[in-house]
Amino acid sequence: MSKPYLPDGLPVPNQDSIALPYWQGTRAGKLVIQKCGGCGKHQWGPEWVCHRCHSFDLGWAEVAPRGRIYSWQRPYHPVHGALTDHGPYLIVLVELPGADGIRMVGNLLGDPMQEVRIGAEVEAVFEPHDTADPPYTLVQWRMLG
């Protein structure tokens, strides 16, 4: 990715201890999600307890960085000052079939006026923000096909 989709100046994501494996994965270009050692199911967002079986035996597993658009919206207003003159943009809720159908929110890359179809296949694009303190990498989404 040559130019980041999002501009500099946005708040840096919290990379605290519970979510640290996710952020380390994104820096390495991998999608790493929590997986329960008790019931074997994936979950998102990171928690101390399994959403399904309430086990505290949570680990992390790399999952395929592909999914389907479950829902979407096209905001025209900036939600942060750094996004002034950046709209409209597309936000997608992506369902990951290879990870028990968990859903993640992200931006859809490309023309903000493109047609978006529920069920369309997307793949993750890892967008580094190396000049931030601390550096981080966001997961954005790109349509396949």
C-alpha atoms as a PDB file:
ATOM      1  CA  MET A   1       0.000   0.000   0.000  1.00  0.00           C
ATOM      2  CA  SER A   2       1.737   3.176  -1.148  1.00  0.00           C
ATOM      3  CA  LYS A   3      -0.312   5.907   0.552  1.00  0.00           C
ATOM      4  CA  PRO A   4      -2.285   5.266   3.754  1.00  0.00           C
ATOM      5  CA  TYR A   5      -6.054   5.464   3.398  1.00  0.00           C
ATOM      6  CA  LEU A   6      -6.354   7.322   6.694  1.00  0.00           C
ATOM      7  CA  PRO A   7      -4.399  10.530   7.294  1.00  0.00           C
ATOM      8  CA  ASP A   8      -1.937  11.172  10.110  1.00  0.00           C
ATOM      9  CA  GLY A   9      -3.264  12.869  13.215  1.00  0.00           C
ATOM     10  CA  LEU A  10      -5.846  10.298  14.289  1.00  0.00           C
ATOM     11  CA  PRO A  11      -5.743   8.951  17.848  1.00  0.00           C
ATOM     12  CA  VAL A  12      -3.388   5.992  18.232  1.00  0.00           C
ATOM     13  CA  PRO A  13      -5.272   2.753  18.988  1.00  0.00           C
ATOM     14  CA  ASN A  14      -4.925   1.416  22.508  1.00  0.00           C
ATOM     15  CA  GLN A  15      -2.462  -1.457  22.287  1.00  0.00           C
ATOM     16  CA  ASP A  16      -2.931  -2.636  25.874  1.00  0.00           C
ATOM     17  CA  SER A  17      -2.023  -6.064  27.178  1.00  0.00           C
ATOM     18  CA  ILE A  18      -5.335  -7.752  26.331  1.00  0.00           C
ATOM     19  CA  ALA A  19      -5.168  -6.719  22.641  1.00  0.00           C
ATOM     20  CA  LEU A  20      -1.376  -6.754  22.244  1.00  0.00           C
ATOM     21  CA  PRO A  21      -1.259 -10.054  20.264  1.00  0.00           C
ATOM     22  CA  TYR A  22      -3.738  -8.588  17.745  1.00  0.00           C
ATOM     23  CA  TRP A  23      -1.597  -5.462  17.223  1.00  0.00           C
ATOM     24  CA  GLN A  24       1.610  -7.515  17.011  1.00  0.00           C
ATOM     25  CA  GLY A  25      -0.103  -9.639  14.355  1.00  0.00           C
ATOM     26  CA  THR A  26      -1.157  -6.643  12.284  1.00  0.00           C
ATOM     27  CA  ARG A  27       2.400  -5.290  12.395  1.00  0.00           C
ATOM     28  CA  ALA A  28       3.518  -8.651  10.931  1.00  0.00           C
ATOM     29  CA  GLY A  29       0.781  -8.575   8.253  1.00  0.00           C
ATOM     30  CA  LYS A  30      -1.312 -11.269   9.951  1.00  0.00           C
ATOM     31  CA  LEU A  31      -4.861 -11.335  11.252  1.00  0.00           C
ATOM     32  CA  VAL A  32      -4.660 -12.799  14.755  1.00  0.00           C
ATOM     33  CA  ILE A  33      -7.874 -13.308  16.733  1.00  0.00           C
ATOM     34  CA  GLN A  34      -8.694 -14.676  20.179  1.00  0.00           C
ATOM     35  CA  LYS A  35      -9.570 -18.366  20.344  1.00  0.00           C
ATOM     36  CA  CYS A  36     -10.968 -20.155  23.384  1.00  0.00           C
ATOM     37  CA  GLY A  37      -9.122 -23.201  24.665  1.00  0.00           C
ATOM     38  CA  GLY A  38     -12.323 -24.373  26.355  1.00  0.00           C
ATOM     39  CA  CYS A  39     -14.840 -24.435  23.504  1.00  0.00           C
ATOM     40  CA  GLY A  40     -12.460 -23.862  20.575  1.00  0.00           C
ATOM     41  CA  LYS A  41     -14.383 -20.848  19.213  1.00  0.00           C
ATOM     42  CA  HIS A  42     -12.950 -17.540  17.968  1.00  0.00           C
ATOM     43  CA  GLN A  43     -14.157 -14.209  19.330  1.00  0.00           C
ATOM     44  CA  TRP A  44     -13.770 -10.489  18.714  1.00  0.00           C
ATOM     45  CA  GLY A  45     -13.084  -8.045  20.426  1.00  0.00           C
ATOM     46  CA  PRO A  46     -10.477  -9.166  22.879  1.00  0.00           C
ATOM     47  CA  GLU A  47     -11.800 -10.055  26.344  1.00  0.00           C
ATOM     48  CA  TRP A  48     -10.559 -11.820  29.455  1.00  0.00           C
ATOM     49  CA  VAL A  49     -13.383 -14.381  29.274  1.00  0.00           C
ATOM     50  CA  CYS A  50     -14.929 -16.387  26.434  1.00  0.00           C
ATOM     51  CA  HIS A  51     -18.215 -14.933  25.194  1.00  0.00           C
ATOM     52  CA  ARG A  52     -19.670 -18.425  24.692  1.00  0.00           C
ATOM     53  CA  CYS A  53     -18.513 -20.770  27.461  1.00  0.00           C
ATOM     54  CA  HIS A  54     -17.116 -18.237  29.981  1.00  0.00           C
ATOM     55  CA  SER A  55     -13.731 -19.960  30.094  1.00  0.00           C
ATOM     56  CA  PHE A  56     -10.654 -17.913  30.984  1.00  0.00           C
ATOM     57  CA  ASP A  57      -8.523 -20.164  28.746  1.00  0.00           C
ATOM     58  CA  LEU A  58      -8.142 -17.727  25.856  1.00  0.00           C
ATOM     59  CA  GLY A  59      -5.305 -17.823  23.364  1.00  0.00           C
ATOM     60  CA  TRP A  60      -4.654 -16.316  19.939  1.00  0.00           C
ATOM     61  CA  ALA A  61      -4.747 -17.860  16.468  1.00  0.00           C
ATOM     62  CA  GLU A  62      -3.970 -16.592  12.994  1.00  0.00           C
ATOM     63  CA  VAL A  63      -7.047 -16.648  10.734  1.00  0.00           C
ATOM     64  CA  ALA A  64      -7.497 -16.184   7.006  1.00  0.00           C
ATOM     65  CA  PRO A  65      -7.632 -12.450   6.242  1.00  0.00           C
ATOM     66  CA  ARG A  66     -10.757 -12.839   4.105  1.00  0.00           C
ATOM     67  CA  GLY A  67     -14.411 -12.336   4.750  1.00  0.00           C
ATOM     68  CA  ARG A  68     -17.755 -11.114   3.464  1.00  0.00           C
ATOM     69  CA  ILE A  69     -19.445  -7.769   3.883  1.00  0.00           C
ATOM     70  CA  TYR A  70     -22.204  -8.191   6.449  1.00  0.00           C
ATOM     71  CA  SER A  71     -23.209  -4.509   6.598  1.00  0.00           C
ATOM     72  CA  TRP A  72     -21.855  -1.124   5.539  1.00  0.00           C
ATOM     73  CA  GLN A  73     -22.363   2.627   5.638  1.00  0.00           C
ATOM     74  CA  ARG A  74     -21.083   5.686   3.781  1.00  0.00           C
ATOM     75  CA  PRO A  75     -20.473   8.570   6.242  1.00  0.00           C
ATOM     76  CA  TYR A  76     -20.094  12.050   4.804  1.00  0.00           C
ATOM     77  CA  HIS A  77     -19.153  13.791   8.060  1.00  0.00           C
ATOM     78  CA  PRO A  78     -15.749  13.675   9.765  1.00  0.00           C
ATOM     79  CA  VAL A  79     -15.771  11.858  13.106  1.00  0.00           C
ATOM     80  CA  HIS A  80     -12.413  13.403  14.002  1.00  0.00           C
ATOM     81  CA  GLY A  81     -10.686  16.652  13.029  1.00  0.00           C
ATOM     82  CA  ALA A  82      -8.000  14.748  11.101  1.00  0.00           C
ATOM     83  CA  LEU A  83     -10.739  13.459   8.774  1.00  0.00           C
ATOM     84  CA  THR A  84     -11.892  16.912   7.680  1.00  0.00           C
ATOM     85  CA  ASP A  85     -11.971  16.923   3.859  1.00  0.00           C
ATOM     86  CA  HIS A  86     -11.622  13.113   3.898  1.00  0.00           C
ATOM     87  CA  GLY A  87     -15.265  12.133   3.294  1.00  0.00           C
ATOM     88  CA  PRO A  88     -17.234  10.454   2.166  1.00  0.00           C
ATOM     89  CA  TYR A  89     -15.719   7.103   3.085  1.00  0.00           C
ATOM     90  CA  LEU A  90     -16.968   3.533   3.436  1.00  0.00           C
ATOM     91  CA  ILE A  91     -17.165   1.569   6.657  1.00  0.00           C
ATOM     92  CA  VAL A  92     -17.831  -2.164   6.476  1.00  0.00           C
ATOM     93  CA  LEU A  93     -18.754  -4.817   8.986  1.00  0.00           C
ATOM     94  CA  VAL A  94     -16.910  -7.918   7.758  1.00  0.00           C
ATOM     95  CA  GLU A  95     -17.899 -11.441   8.742  1.00  0.00           C
ATOM     96  CA  LEU A  96     -15.046 -13.955   8.838  1.00  0.00           C
ATOM     97  CA  PRO A  97     -16.378 -17.411   7.876  1.00  0.00           C
ATOM     98  CA  GLY A  98     -13.020 -19.020   8.695  1.00  0.00           C
ATOM     99  CA  ALA A  99     -13.191 -17.705  12.269  1.00  0.00           C
ATOM    100  CA  ASP A 100     -16.618 -18.849  13.472  1.00  0.00           C
ATOM    101  CA  GLY A 101     -18.358 -15.937  11.760  1.00  0.00           C
ATOM    102  CA  ILE A 102     -16.954 -13.219  14.015  1.00  0.00           C
ATOM    103  CA  ARG A 103     -17.422  -9.695  12.674  1.00  0.00           C
ATOM    104  CA  MET A 104     -14.902  -6.863  12.474  1.00  0.00           C
ATOM    105  CA  VAL A 105     -15.347  -3.207  11.512  1.00  0.00           C
ATOM    106  CA  GLY A 106     -13.001  -1.466   9.088  1.00  0.00           C
ATOM    107  CA  ASN A 107     -12.773   0.874   6.135  1.00  0.00           C
ATOM    108  CA  LEU A 108     -13.432  -0.336   2.600  1.00  0.00           C
ATOM    109  CA  LEU A 109     -10.658   0.861   0.313  1.00  0.00           C
ATOM    110  CA  GLY A 110     -11.240   2.278  -3.143  1.00  0.00           C
ATOM    111  CA  ASP A 111     -13.721   4.745  -4.552  1.00  0.00           C
ATOM    112  CA  PRO A 112     -15.954   5.936  -1.690  1.00  0.00           C
ATOM    113  CA  MET A 113     -18.878   6.040  -4.146  1.00  0.00           C
ATOM    114  CA  GLN A 114     -18.399   2.456  -5.353  1.00  0.00           C
ATOM    115  CA  GLU A 115     -21.313   0.073  -5.226  1.00  0.00           C
ATOM    116  CA  VAL A 116     -21.205  -2.057  -2.093  1.00  0.00           C
ATOM    117  CA  ARG A 117     -23.036  -5.363  -1.973  1.00  0.00           C
ATOM    118  CA  ILE A 118     -23.903  -7.328   1.166  1.00  0.00           C
ATOM    119  CA  GLY A 119     -22.115 -10.684   0.895  1.00  0.00           C
ATOM    120  CA  ALA A 120     -19.314  -9.344  -1.326  1.00  0.00           C
ATOM    121  CA  GLU A 121     -15.957 -10.985  -0.635  1.00  0.00           C
ATOM    122  CA  VAL A 122     -13.178  -8.833   0.808  1.00  0.00           C
ATOM    123  CA  GLU A 123      -9.597  -9.311   1.923  1.00  0.00           C
ATOM    124  CA  ALA A 124      -7.624  -7.560   4.628  1.00  0.00           C
ATOM    125  CA  VAL A 125      -5.060  -4.913   3.724  1.00  0.00           C
ATOM    126  CA  PHE A 126      -2.559  -4.064   6.441  1.00  0.00           C
ATOM    127  CA  GLU A 127      -1.978  -0.289   6.586  1.00  0.00           C
ATOM    128  CA  PRO A 128       1.120   0.659   8.602  1.00  0.00           C
ATOM    129  CA  HIS A 129       1.269   3.942  10.496  1.00  0.00           C
ATOM    130  CA  ASP A 130       4.996   3.905  11.218  1.00  0.00           C
ATOM    131  CA  THR A 131       5.338   7.542  12.267  1.00  0.00           C
ATOM    132  CA  ALA A 132       2.749   7.266  15.059  1.00  0.00           C
ATOM    133  CA  ASP A 133       3.877   6.934  18.680  1.00  0.00           C
ATOM    134  CA  PRO A 134       3.717   4.015  19.160  1.00  0.00           C
ATOM    135  CA  PRO A 135       3.620   2.726  15.574  1.00  0.00           C
ATOM    136  CA  TYR A 136       0.632   0.588  14.635  1.00  0.00           C
ATOM    137  CA  THR A 137      -0.934  -1.137  11.648  1.00  0.00           C
ATOM    138  CA  LEU A 138      -4.642  -0.943  10.826  1.00  0.00           C
ATOM    139  CA  VAL A 139      -6.670  -3.608   9.091  1.00  0.00           C
ATOM    140  CA  GLN A 140      -8.539  -2.137   6.118  1.00  0.00           C
ATOM    141  CA  TRP A 141     -10.611  -4.119   3.604  1.00  0.00           C
ATOM    142  CA  ARG A 142     -10.502  -4.400  -0.189  1.00  0.00           C
ATOM    143  CA  MET A 143     -13.115  -5.955  -2.471  1.00  0.00           C
ATOM    144  CA  LEU A 144     -12.125  -9.130  -4.289  1.00  0.00           C
ATOM    145  CA  GLY A 145     -12.966  -9.669  -7.928  1.00  0.00           C
END
